Amino acid sequence: MEYSLVGEGLKFMVLGMLIVFAFLVVLVQVMKLQAKLINKFFPEQPAEAPKSSGTNAEQDKHHVAAIVAAVTDFRKQS
């Protein structure tokens, strides 16, 4: 019996591609199942908003002053 090397190569290529495709399909399904289970047993809770102390305007002024001072100092050095 003579086997064509090209034919055998194509068979192995198709077989390998089918195995990889099947593995990826199974992997996607397992990941979807895992996501459902995690969401069922560990539901995501909404994040709480940080409590503001009412000094945002003062903090903004301090930030602006620090930025202006840094830019001024940088320009003096150049």
PDB file of N, CA and C in Angstrom:
ATOM      1  N   MET A   1       0.828  -1.176   0.000  1.00  0.00           N
ATOM      2  CA  MET A   1       0.000   0.000   0.000  1.00  0.00           C
ATOM      3  C   MET A   1       0.873   1.240   0.000  1.00  0.00           C
ATOM      4  N   GLU A   2       0.573   2.109  -0.893  1.00  0.00           N
ATOM      5  CA  GLU A   2       1.289   3.365  -0.936  1.00  0.00           C
ATOM      6  C   GLU A   2       0.384   4.473  -0.430  1.00  0.00           C
ATOM      7  N   TYR A   3       0.945   5.269   0.442  1.00  0.00           N
ATOM      8  CA  TYR A   3       0.204   6.412   0.960  1.00  0.00           C
ATOM      9  C   TYR A   3       0.798   7.681   0.383  1.00  0.00           C
ATOM     10  N   SER A   4      -0.053   8.559   0.028  1.00  0.00           N
ATOM     11  CA  SER A   4       0.406   9.850  -0.470  1.00  0.00           C
ATOM     12  C   SER A   4       0.772  10.719   0.734  1.00  0.00           C
ATOM     13  N   LEU A   5       1.996  11.214   0.747  1.00  0.00           N
ATOM     14  CA  LEU A   5       2.422  12.044   1.869  1.00  0.00           C
ATOM     15  C   LEU A   5       1.623  13.336   1.949  1.00  0.00           C
ATOM     16  N   VAL A   6       1.237  13.874   0.806  1.00  0.00           N
ATOM     17  CA  VAL A   6       0.438  15.096   0.805  1.00  0.00           C
ATOM     18  C   VAL A   6      -0.939  14.815   1.398  1.00  0.00           C
ATOM     19  N   GLY A   7      -1.532  13.690   1.011  1.00  0.00           N
ATOM     20  CA  GLY A   7      -2.844  13.317   1.536  1.00  0.00           C
ATOM     21  C   GLY A   7      -2.801  13.078   3.037  1.00  0.00           C
ATOM     22  N   GLU A   8      -1.757  12.375   3.495  1.00  0.00           N
ATOM     23  CA  GLU A   8      -1.617  12.138   4.933  1.00  0.00           C
ATOM     24  C   GLU A   8      -1.404  13.451   5.676  1.00  0.00           C
ATOM     25  N   GLY A   9      -0.619  14.328   5.095  1.00  0.00           N
ATOM     26  CA  GLY A   9      -0.389  15.637   5.718  1.00  0.00           C
ATOM     27  C   GLY A   9      -1.675  16.432   5.840  1.00  0.00           C
ATOM     28  N   LEU A  10      -2.496  16.403   4.794  1.00  0.00           N
ATOM     29  CA  LEU A  10      -3.778  17.112   4.846  1.00  0.00           C
ATOM     30  C   LEU A  10      -4.704  16.513   5.888  1.00  0.00           C
ATOM     31  N   LYS A  11      -4.710  15.160   5.992  1.00  0.00           N
ATOM     32  CA  LYS A  11      -5.551  14.517   7.013  1.00  0.00           C
ATOM     33  C   LYS A  11      -5.139  14.965   8.413  1.00  0.00           C
ATOM     34  N   PHE A  12      -3.836  14.963   8.684  1.00  0.00           N
ATOM     35  CA  PHE A  12      -3.367  15.367  10.005  1.00  0.00           C
ATOM     36  C   PHE A  12      -3.640  16.844  10.267  1.00  0.00           C
ATOM     37  N   MET A  13      -3.535  17.664   9.227  1.00  0.00           N
ATOM     38  CA  MET A  13      -3.811  19.082   9.383  1.00  0.00           C
ATOM     39  C   MET A  13      -5.275  19.298   9.755  1.00  0.00           C
ATOM     40  N   VAL A  14      -6.180  18.642   9.012  1.00  0.00           N
ATOM     41  CA  VAL A  14      -7.611  18.784   9.287  1.00  0.00           C
ATOM     42  C   VAL A  14      -7.937  18.227  10.667  1.00  0.00           C
ATOM     43  N   LEU A  15      -7.368  17.084  11.009  1.00  0.00           N
ATOM     44  CA  LEU A  15      -7.606  16.496  12.325  1.00  0.00           C
ATOM     45  C   LEU A  15      -7.135  17.437  13.435  1.00  0.00           C
ATOM     46  N   GLY A  16      -5.962  18.003  13.275  1.00  0.00           N
ATOM     47  CA  GLY A  16      -5.446  18.938  14.275  1.00  0.00           C
ATOM     48  C   GLY A  16      -6.298  20.176  14.392  1.00  0.00           C
ATOM     49  N   MET A  17      -6.744  20.707  13.270  1.00  0.00           N
ATOM     50  CA  MET A  17      -7.592  21.895  13.299  1.00  0.00           C
ATOM     51  C   MET A  17      -8.930  21.598  13.966  1.00  0.00           C
ATOM     52  N   LEU A  18      -9.485  20.420  13.708  1.00  0.00           N
ATOM     53  CA  LEU A  18     -10.756  20.047  14.341  1.00  0.00           C
ATOM     54  C   LEU A  18     -10.589  19.876  15.850  1.00  0.00           C
ATOM     55  N   ILE A  19      -9.485  19.300  16.268  1.00  0.00           N
ATOM     56  CA  ILE A  19      -9.249  19.124  17.703  1.00  0.00           C
ATOM     57  C   ILE A  19      -9.110  20.484  18.385  1.00  0.00           C
ATOM     58  N   VAL A  20      -8.364  21.395  17.786  1.00  0.00           N
ATOM     59  CA  VAL A  20      -8.204  22.733  18.363  1.00  0.00           C
ATOM     60  C   VAL A  20      -9.540  23.461  18.387  1.00  0.00           C
ATOM     61  N   PHE A  21     -10.315  23.363  17.307  1.00  0.00           N
ATOM     62  CA  PHE A  21     -11.624  24.012  17.259  1.00  0.00           C
ATOM     63  C   PHE A  21     -12.545  23.455  18.338  1.00  0.00           C
ATOM     64  N   ALA A  22     -12.565  22.138  18.494  1.00  0.00           N
ATOM     65  CA  ALA A  22     -13.408  21.520  19.526  1.00  0.00           C
ATOM     66  C   ALA A  22     -12.969  21.973  20.912  1.00  0.00           C
ATOM     67  N   PHE A  23     -11.666  22.024  21.150  1.00  0.00           N
ATOM     68  CA  PHE A  23     -11.164  22.479  22.441  1.00  0.00           C
ATOM     69  C   PHE A  23     -11.599  23.915  22.714  1.00  0.00           C
ATOM     70  N   LEU A  24     -11.509  24.788  21.711  1.00  0.00           N
ATOM     71  CA  LEU A  24     -11.898  26.181  21.906  1.00  0.00           C
ATOM     72  C   LEU A  24     -13.393  26.319  22.172  1.00  0.00           C
ATOM     73  N   VAL A  25     -14.209  25.527  21.495  1.00  0.00           N
ATOM     74  CA  VAL A  25     -15.649  25.560  21.735  1.00  0.00           C
ATOM     75  C   VAL A  25     -15.947  25.133  23.174  1.00  0.00           C
ATOM     76  N   VAL A  26     -15.303  24.056  23.620  1.00  0.00           N
ATOM     77  CA  VAL A  26     -15.503  23.590  24.995  1.00  0.00           C
ATOM     78  C   VAL A  26     -15.014  24.653  25.978  1.00  0.00           C
ATOM     79  N   LEU A  27     -13.887  25.273  25.699  1.00  0.00           N
ATOM     80  CA  LEU A  27     -13.343  26.299  26.575  1.00  0.00           C
ATOM     81  C   LEU A  27     -14.298  27.482  26.709  1.00  0.00           C
ATOM     82  N   VAL A  28     -14.879  27.930  25.607  1.00  0.00           N
ATOM     83  CA  VAL A  28     -15.818  29.052  25.653  1.00  0.00           C
ATOM     84  C   VAL A  28     -17.038  28.684  26.478  1.00  0.00           C
ATOM     85  N   GLN A  29     -17.554  27.476  26.299  1.00  0.00           N
ATOM     86  CA  GLN A  29     -18.726  27.055  27.052  1.00  0.00           C
ATOM     87  C   GLN A  29     -18.426  26.953  28.544  1.00  0.00           C
ATOM     88  N   VAL A  30     -17.258  26.445  28.888  1.00  0.00           N
ATOM     89  CA  VAL A  30     -16.879  26.340  30.298  1.00  0.00           C
ATOM     90  C   VAL A  30     -16.727  27.730  30.905  1.00  0.00           C
ATOM     91  N   MET A  31     -16.156  28.667  30.163  1.00  0.00           N
ATOM     92  CA  MET A  31     -15.999  30.021  30.674  1.00  0.00           C
ATOM     93  C   MET A  31     -17.355  30.703  30.882  1.00  0.00           C
ATOM     94  N   LYS A  32     -18.298  30.471  29.980  1.00  0.00           N
ATOM     95  CA  LYS A  32     -19.643  31.026  30.153  1.00  0.00           C
ATOM     96  C   LYS A  32     -20.315  30.438  31.386  1.00  0.00           C
ATOM     97  N   LEU A  33     -20.176  29.127  31.576  1.00  0.00           N
ATOM     98  CA  LEU A  33     -20.742  28.473  32.748  1.00  0.00           C
ATOM     99  C   LEU A  33     -20.105  29.021  34.020  1.00  0.00           C
ATOM    100  N   GLN A  34     -18.799  29.201  34.003  1.00  0.00           N
ATOM    101  CA  GLN A  34     -18.086  29.732  35.156  1.00  0.00           C
ATOM    102  C   GLN A  34     -18.577  31.145  35.482  1.00  0.00           C
ATOM    103  N   ALA A  35     -18.775  31.976  34.473  1.00  0.00           N
ATOM    104  CA  ALA A  35     -19.261  33.333  34.696  1.00  0.00           C
ATOM    105  C   ALA A  35     -20.647  33.321  35.325  1.00  0.00           C
ATOM    106  N   LYS A  36     -21.514  32.431  34.851  1.00  0.00           N
ATOM    107  CA  LYS A  36     -22.860  32.337  35.421  1.00  0.00           C
ATOM    108  C   LYS A  36     -22.812  31.891  36.881  1.00  0.00           C
ATOM    109  N   LEU A  37     -21.962  30.916  37.166  1.00  0.00           N
ATOM    110  CA  LEU A  37     -21.861  30.427  38.544  1.00  0.00           C
ATOM    111  C   LEU A  37     -21.293  31.496  39.479  1.00  0.00           C
ATOM    112  N   ILE A  38     -20.293  32.202  39.008  1.00  0.00           N
ATOM    113  CA  ILE A  38     -19.700  33.255  39.840  1.00  0.00           C
ATOM    114  C   ILE A  38     -20.719  34.358  40.090  1.00  0.00           C
ATOM    115  N   ASN A  39     -21.456  34.766  39.059  1.00  0.00           N
ATOM    116  CA  ASN A  39     -22.464  35.809  39.238  1.00  0.00           C
ATOM    117  C   ASN A  39     -23.610  35.354  40.128  1.00  0.00           C
ATOM    118  N   LYS A  40     -23.887  34.065  40.127  1.00  0.00           N
ATOM    119  CA  LYS A  40     -24.971  33.541  40.959  1.00  0.00           C
ATOM    120  C   LYS A  40     -24.568  33.535  42.429  1.00  0.00           C
ATOM    121  N   PHE A  41     -23.375  33.060  42.743  1.00  0.00           N
ATOM    122  CA  PHE A  41     -22.962  32.917  44.132  1.00  0.00           C
ATOM    123  C   PHE A  41     -22.257  34.155  44.685  1.00  0.00           C
ATOM    124  N   PHE A  42     -21.672  34.967  43.813  1.00  0.00           N
ATOM    125  CA  PHE A  42     -20.987  36.181  44.238  1.00  0.00           C
ATOM    126  C   PHE A  42     -21.460  37.351  43.388  1.00  0.00           C
ATOM    127  N   PRO A  43     -22.689  37.830  43.610  1.00  0.00           N
ATOM    128  CA  PRO A  43     -23.188  38.935  42.785  1.00  0.00           C
ATOM    129  C   PRO A  43     -22.381  40.200  43.035  1.00  0.00           C
ATOM    130  N   GLU A  44     -22.218  40.960  41.969  1.00  0.00           N
ATOM    131  CA  GLU A  44     -21.441  42.197  42.059  1.00  0.00           C
ATOM    132  C   GLU A  44     -22.288  43.260  42.731  1.00  0.00           C
ATOM    133  N   GLN A  45     -21.726  43.862  43.772  1.00  0.00           N
ATOM    134  CA  GLN A  45     -22.443  44.893  44.490  1.00  0.00           C
ATOM    135  C   GLN A  45     -21.996  46.249  43.957  1.00  0.00           C
ATOM    136  N   PRO A  46     -22.935  47.185  43.847  1.00  0.00           N
ATOM    137  CA  PRO A  46     -22.550  48.504  43.322  1.00  0.00           C
ATOM    138  C   PRO A  46     -21.587  49.195  44.275  1.00  0.00           C
ATOM    139  N   ALA A  47     -20.631  49.893  43.698  1.00  0.00           N
ATOM    140  CA  ALA A  47     -19.646  50.600  44.501  1.00  0.00           C
ATOM    141  C   ALA A  47     -20.285  51.828  45.141  1.00  0.00           C
ATOM    142  N   GLU A  48     -19.916  52.062  46.388  1.00  0.00           N
ATOM    143  CA  GLU A  48     -20.458  53.219  47.086  1.00  0.00           C
ATOM    144  C   GLU A  48     -19.692  54.466  46.678  1.00  0.00           C
ATOM    145  N   ALA A  49     -20.407  55.554  46.550  1.00  0.00           N
ATOM    146  CA  ALA A  49     -19.770  56.817  46.196  1.00  0.00           C
ATOM    147  C   ALA A  49     -19.006  57.337  47.410  1.00  0.00           C
ATOM    148  N   PRO A  50     -17.823  57.872  47.192  1.00  0.00           N
ATOM    149  CA  PRO A  50     -17.067  58.412  48.329  1.00  0.00           C
ATOM    150  C   PRO A  50     -17.790  59.609  48.922  1.00  0.00           C
ATOM    151  N   LYS A  51     -17.727  59.710  50.235  1.00  0.00           N
ATOM    152  CA  LYS A  51     -18.396  60.814  50.915  1.00  0.00           C
ATOM    153  C   LYS A  51     -17.538  62.063  50.774  1.00  0.00           C
ATOM    154  N   SER A  52     -18.169  63.128  50.302  1.00  0.00           N
ATOM    155  CA  SER A  52     -17.427  64.372  50.111  1.00  0.00           C
ATOM    156  C   SER A  52     -17.472  65.189  51.392  1.00  0.00           C
ATOM    157  N   SER A  53     -16.388  65.880  51.672  1.00  0.00           N
ATOM    158  CA  SER A  53     -16.312  66.681  52.895  1.00  0.00           C
ATOM    159  C   SER A  53     -16.713  68.130  52.639  1.00  0.00           C
ATOM    160  N   GLY A  54     -17.040  68.465  51.406  1.00  0.00           N
ATOM    161  CA  GLY A  54     -17.484  69.817  51.102  1.00  0.00           C
ATOM    162  C   GLY A  54     -16.342  70.780  50.836  1.00  0.00           C
ATOM    163  N   THR A  55     -15.113  70.303  50.828  1.00  0.00           N
ATOM    164  CA  THR A  55     -13.964  71.185  50.613  1.00  0.00           C
ATOM    165  C   THR A  55     -13.355  70.973  49.233  1.00  0.00           C
ATOM    166  N   ASN A  56     -14.147  70.527  48.296  1.00  0.00           N
ATOM    167  CA  ASN A  56     -13.634  70.292  46.948  1.00  0.00           C
ATOM    168  C   ASN A  56     -13.138  71.578  46.299  1.00  0.00           C
ATOM    169  N   ALA A  57     -13.819  72.684  46.538  1.00  0.00           N
ATOM    170  CA  ALA A  57     -13.408  73.949  45.938  1.00  0.00           C
ATOM    171  C   ALA A  57     -12.051  74.370  46.479  1.00  0.00           C
ATOM    172  N   GLU A  58     -11.856  74.193  47.786  1.00  0.00           N
ATOM    173  CA  GLU A  58     -10.563  74.550  48.377  1.00  0.00           C
ATOM    174  C   GLU A  58      -9.455  73.639  47.855  1.00  0.00           C
ATOM    175  N   GLN A  59      -9.760  72.360  47.738  1.00  0.00           N
ATOM    176  CA  GLN A  59      -8.765  71.419  47.220  1.00  0.00           C
ATOM    177  C   GLN A  59      -8.402  71.754  45.781  1.00  0.00           C
ATOM    178  N   ASP A  60      -9.398  72.130  44.982  1.00  0.00           N
ATOM    179  CA  ASP A  60      -9.132  72.506  43.599  1.00  0.00           C
ATOM    180  C   ASP A  60      -8.221  73.725  43.535  1.00  0.00           C
ATOM    181  N   LYS A  61      -8.469  74.707  44.407  1.00  0.00           N
ATOM    182  CA  LYS A  61      -7.620  75.902  44.424  1.00  0.00           C
ATOM    183  C   LYS A  61      -6.192  75.534  44.780  1.00  0.00           C
ATOM    184  N   HIS A  62      -6.025  74.638  45.744  1.00  0.00           N
ATOM    185  CA  HIS A  62      -4.681  74.219  46.137  1.00  0.00           C
ATOM    186  C   HIS A  62      -3.987  73.462  45.006  1.00  0.00           C
ATOM    187  N   HIS A  63      -4.743  72.633  44.296  1.00  0.00           N
ATOM    188  CA  HIS A  63      -4.170  71.892  43.166  1.00  0.00           C
ATOM    189  C   HIS A  63      -3.715  72.852  42.063  1.00  0.00           C
ATOM    190  N   VAL A  64      -4.556  73.824  41.756  1.00  0.00           N
ATOM    191  CA  VAL A  64      -4.223  74.788  40.713  1.00  0.00           C
ATOM    192  C   VAL A  64      -2.989  75.585  41.119  1.00  0.00           C
ATOM    193  N   ALA A  65      -2.929  75.984  42.380  1.00  0.00           N
ATOM    194  CA  ALA A  65      -1.767  76.753  42.848  1.00  0.00           C
ATOM    195  C   ALA A  65      -0.499  75.919  42.760  1.00  0.00           C
ATOM    196  N   ALA A  66      -0.580  74.645  43.113  1.00  0.00           N
ATOM    197  CA  ALA A  66       0.592  73.774  43.042  1.00  0.00           C
ATOM    198  C   ALA A  66       1.040  73.574  41.595  1.00  0.00           C
ATOM    199  N   ILE A  67       0.093  73.432  40.680  1.00  0.00           N
ATOM    200  CA  ILE A  67       0.435  73.247  39.264  1.00  0.00           C
ATOM    201  C   ILE A  67       1.086  74.511  38.706  1.00  0.00           C
ATOM    202  N   VAL A  68       0.518  75.680  39.048  1.00  0.00           N
ATOM    203  CA  VAL A  68       1.091  76.939  38.567  1.00  0.00           C
ATOM    204  C   VAL A  68       2.504  77.113  39.110  1.00  0.00           C
ATOM    205  N   ALA A  69       2.701  76.789  40.379  1.00  0.00           N
ATOM    206  CA  ALA A  69       4.039  76.913  40.972  1.00  0.00           C
ATOM    207  C   ALA A  69       5.020  75.957  40.300  1.00  0.00           C
ATOM    208  N   ALA A  70       4.596  74.740  40.012  1.00  0.00           N
ATOM    209  CA  ALA A  70       5.484  73.772  39.370  1.00  0.00           C
ATOM    210  C   ALA A  70       5.856  74.220  37.958  1.00  0.00           C
ATOM    211  N   VAL A  71       4.886  74.727  37.199  1.00  0.00           N
ATOM    212  CA  VAL A  71       5.164  75.189  35.837  1.00  0.00           C
ATOM    213  C   VAL A  71       6.096  76.397  35.867  1.00  0.00           C
ATOM    214  N   THR A  72       5.854  77.317  36.799  1.00  0.00           N
ATOM    215  CA  THR A  72       6.711  78.490  36.922  1.00  0.00           C
ATOM    216  C   THR A  72       8.144  78.086  37.266  1.00  0.00           C
ATOM    217  N   ASP A  73       8.281  77.171  38.196  1.00  0.00           N
ATOM    218  CA  ASP A  73       9.617  76.691  38.589  1.00  0.00           C
ATOM    219  C   ASP A  73      10.308  75.989  37.421  1.00  0.00           C
ATOM    220  N   PHE A  74       9.570  75.217  36.660  1.00  0.00           N
ATOM    221  CA  PHE A  74      10.145  74.523  35.508  1.00  0.00           C
ATOM    222  C   PHE A  74      10.638  75.512  34.446  1.00  0.00           C
ATOM    223  N   ARG A  75       9.856  76.557  34.229  1.00  0.00           N
ATOM    224  CA  ARG A  75      10.237  77.548  33.217  1.00  0.00           C
ATOM    225  C   ARG A  75      11.466  78.337  33.658  1.00  0.00           C
ATOM    226  N   LYS A  76      11.630  78.551  34.968  1.00  0.00           N
ATOM    227  CA  LYS A  76      12.800  79.256  35.466  1.00  0.00           C
ATOM    228  C   LYS A  76      14.049  78.410  35.262  1.00  0.00           C
ATOM    229  N   GLN A  77      13.931  77.105  35.376  1.00  0.00           N
ATOM    230  CA  GLN A  77      15.072  76.203  35.238  1.00  0.00           C
ATOM    231  C   GLN A  77      15.502  76.073  33.785  1.00  0.00           C
ATOM    232  N   SER A  78      14.598  76.212  32.845  1.00  0.00           N
ATOM    233  CA  SER A  78      14.922  76.003  31.426  1.00  0.00           C
ATOM    234  C   SER A  78      15.647  77.147  30.810  1.00  0.00           C
TER     235      SER A  78
END
